[in-house]
N, C-alpha and C. Protein backbone atom coordinates (compact mmCIF):
# COMPACT_ATOMS: atom_id res chain seq x y z
N UNK A 1 1.07 -1.09 0.18
CA UNK A 1 0.12 0.10 -0.15
C UNK A 1 0.94 1.11 0.23
N UNK A 2 0.51 1.97 -0.66
CA UNK A 2 1.37 3.76 -1.11
C UNK A 2 1.23 4.29 0.41
N UNK A 3 2.47 5.23 0.57
CA UNK A 3 2.25 5.83 2.39
C UNK A 3 1.80 7.17 2.07
N UNK A 4 1.97 7.83 2.99
CA UNK A 4 1.35 9.32 2.73
C UNK A 4 2.47 9.91 2.25
N UNK A 5 2.14 11.04 1.72
CA UNK A 5 3.23 11.97 1.09
C UNK A 5 2.98 13.00 1.69
N UNK A 6 3.81 14.01 2.07
CA UNK A 6 4.05 15.17 2.63
C UNK A 6 5.16 16.07 1.75
N UNK A 7 4.89 17.46 1.74
CA UNK A 7 5.67 18.51 1.58
C UNK A 7 6.70 18.40 2.16
N UNK A 8 7.40 18.65 1.90
CA UNK A 8 8.86 19.62 3.33
C UNK A 8 10.03 20.48 2.31
N UNK A 9 9.88 21.72 2.80
CA UNK A 9 10.94 22.72 2.29
C UNK A 9 12.65 22.41 2.62
N UNK A 10 13.45 21.57 1.85
CA UNK A 10 14.69 21.23 2.02
C UNK A 10 15.71 22.46 2.01
N UNK A 11 16.07 22.68 3.09
CA UNK A 11 17.28 24.13 2.87
C UNK A 11 18.91 23.41 2.76
N UNK A 12 19.47 23.81 2.83
CA UNK A 12 21.07 23.82 2.42
C UNK A 12 21.08 23.18 3.78
N UNK A 13 21.25 23.41 5.10
CA UNK A 13 21.45 22.50 6.47
C UNK A 13 20.91 21.39 6.26
N UNK A 14 19.71 20.65 5.48
CA UNK A 14 19.05 19.56 5.84
C UNK A 14 19.25 18.56 4.53
N UNK A 15 19.95 19.32 3.46
CA UNK A 15 20.26 18.39 2.64
C UNK A 15 21.16 16.94 2.87
N UNK A 16 21.94 16.68 3.77
CA UNK A 16 22.42 15.48 4.10
C UNK A 16 21.36 14.99 5.02
N UNK A 17 20.63 15.24 5.91
CA UNK A 17 19.54 14.59 6.11
C UNK A 17 18.50 13.81 5.20
N UNK A 18 18.01 14.75 4.34
CA UNK A 18 17.07 13.79 3.29
C UNK A 18 18.22 13.31 2.10
N UNK A 19 19.15 13.10 2.32
CA UNK A 19 20.08 12.45 1.10
C UNK A 19 19.60 13.11 -0.11
N UNK A 20 19.57 14.65 -0.23
CA UNK A 20 19.89 15.03 -1.65
C UNK A 20 20.87 15.83 -1.65
N UNK A 21 20.70 16.22 -3.02
CA UNK A 21 22.07 17.58 -3.42
C UNK A 21 21.77 18.96 -3.79
N UNK A 22 20.38 19.04 -3.75
CA UNK A 22 19.77 20.27 -4.37
C UNK A 22 18.79 20.58 -2.94
N UNK A 23 18.97 22.12 -2.77
CA UNK A 23 17.71 22.70 -2.10
C UNK A 23 16.25 23.00 -2.79
N UNK A 24 15.23 22.75 -1.97
CA UNK A 24 13.93 22.88 -2.85
C UNK A 24 12.80 21.80 -1.88
N UNK A 25 11.77 21.89 -2.69
CA UNK A 25 10.18 21.15 -2.19
C UNK A 25 10.65 20.18 -2.96
N UNK A 26 10.50 18.79 -1.62
CA UNK A 26 10.17 17.75 -1.96
C UNK A 26 8.72 16.59 -1.15
N UNK A 27 8.58 15.80 -2.32
CA UNK A 27 7.50 14.40 -1.31
C UNK A 27 8.41 13.79 -0.28
N UNK A 28 8.13 13.49 0.30
CA UNK A 28 8.61 12.40 1.30
C UNK A 28 7.35 11.76 2.02
N UNK A 29 7.94 10.40 2.38
CA UNK A 29 6.82 9.25 2.94
C UNK A 29 6.92 9.75 4.36
N UNK A 30 6.07 8.73 4.85
CA UNK A 30 6.06 8.90 6.30
C UNK A 30 7.07 8.02 6.89
N UNK A 31 8.54 7.88 5.92
CA UNK A 31 9.96 7.19 6.74
C UNK A 31 10.75 8.49 6.51
N UNK A 32 10.17 9.51 5.94
CA UNK A 32 11.31 11.26 5.40
C UNK A 32 12.14 10.52 4.63
N UNK A 33 11.66 9.42 3.77
CA UNK A 33 12.51 9.33 2.42
C UNK A 33 12.13 10.04 1.21
N UNK A 34 12.45 10.80 0.67
CA UNK A 34 12.26 11.50 -0.33
C UNK A 34 11.72 10.60 -1.51
N UNK A 35 10.70 11.00 -2.36
CA UNK A 35 9.94 10.41 -3.03
C UNK A 35 9.67 11.32 -4.59
N UNK A 36 9.82 12.50 -4.18
CA UNK A 36 9.60 13.24 -5.64
C UNK A 36 10.45 14.84 -4.92
N UNK A 37 10.75 15.15 -6.34
CA UNK A 37 11.14 16.57 -6.41
C UNK A 37 13.07 16.92 -6.71
N UNK A 38 13.20 17.86 -6.59
CA UNK A 38 12.59 18.69 -6.22
C UNK A 38 11.94 19.49 -6.80
N UNK A 39 11.07 20.63 -6.28
CA UNK A 39 10.13 21.28 -7.06
C UNK A 39 10.59 22.58 -6.59
N UNK A 40 10.43 23.87 -7.60
CA UNK A 40 10.62 25.24 -6.61
C UNK A 40 9.67 25.71 -5.94
N UNK A 41 8.69 25.28 -5.93
CA UNK A 41 7.18 26.07 -4.84
C UNK A 41 6.90 25.04 -4.09
N UNK A 42 5.85 25.35 -2.94
CA UNK A 42 4.94 24.24 -2.32
C UNK A 42 4.07 23.77 -3.27
N UNK A 43 3.15 24.88 -4.33
CA UNK A 43 2.16 24.46 -4.85
C UNK A 43 2.85 23.02 -5.82
N UNK A 44 3.77 23.21 -6.34
CA UNK A 44 4.30 22.17 -7.55
C UNK A 44 4.08 21.03 -7.19
N UNK A 45 5.30 21.27 -5.43
CA UNK A 45 4.84 19.80 -4.70
C UNK A 45 4.03 19.00 -4.86
N UNK A 46 2.79 20.05 -4.18
CA UNK A 46 1.94 19.18 -3.85
C UNK A 46 1.05 18.98 -4.95
N UNK A 47 1.14 19.61 -5.92
CA UNK A 47 0.31 19.02 -7.46
C UNK A 47 0.91 17.96 -7.58
N UNK A 48 2.25 17.54 -7.46
CA UNK A 48 2.89 16.64 -7.71
C UNK A 48 2.75 15.11 -6.59
N UNK A 49 2.30 15.58 -5.52
CA UNK A 49 1.57 14.43 -4.60
C UNK A 49 0.47 13.71 -5.24
N UNK A 50 -0.56 15.10 -5.63
CA UNK A 50 -1.96 14.53 -5.79
C UNK A 50 -1.94 13.85 -7.18
N UNK A 51 -1.04 14.23 -8.06
CA UNK A 51 -0.76 13.47 -9.61
C UNK A 51 -0.54 12.09 -8.97
N UNK A 52 0.53 11.65 -8.12
CA UNK A 52 0.76 10.57 -7.93
C UNK A 52 0.27 9.89 -7.01
N UNK A 53 -0.89 10.69 -6.24
CA UNK A 53 -1.83 9.75 -5.60
C UNK A 53 -2.91 9.06 -6.52
N UNK A 54 -2.96 9.96 -7.46
CA UNK A 54 -4.00 9.98 -8.34
C UNK A 54 -3.78 8.43 -9.30
N UNK A 55 -2.91 8.47 -9.28
CA UNK A 55 -1.71 7.55 -10.69
C UNK A 55 -1.77 5.84 -9.78
N UNK A 56 -1.30 6.09 -8.66
CA UNK A 56 -1.62 4.96 -7.67
C UNK A 56 -2.67 4.34 -7.63
N UNK A 57 -4.14 4.89 -7.73
CA UNK A 57 -5.32 4.45 -7.09
C UNK A 57 -6.06 3.69 -8.16
N UNK A 58 -5.17 4.24 -9.89
CA UNK A 58 -5.81 3.97 -10.72
C UNK A 58 -5.36 2.44 -10.91
N UNK A 59 -4.33 2.13 -10.29
CA UNK A 59 -3.59 0.69 -10.45
C UNK A 59 -3.93 -0.19 -9.50
């Protein structure tokens, strides 16, 4: 079953914590693992989360 995703704004100080190389908005699962991103805005990240949830519901 798909895990819940939430948007996180990753700053330079947090790059290592999320194991990413770029700052920006990321969709992370309930285990704080990055699933999607980076995005330039919260709106873009939330849109990608909704799109992914819709795709997973169809399968």
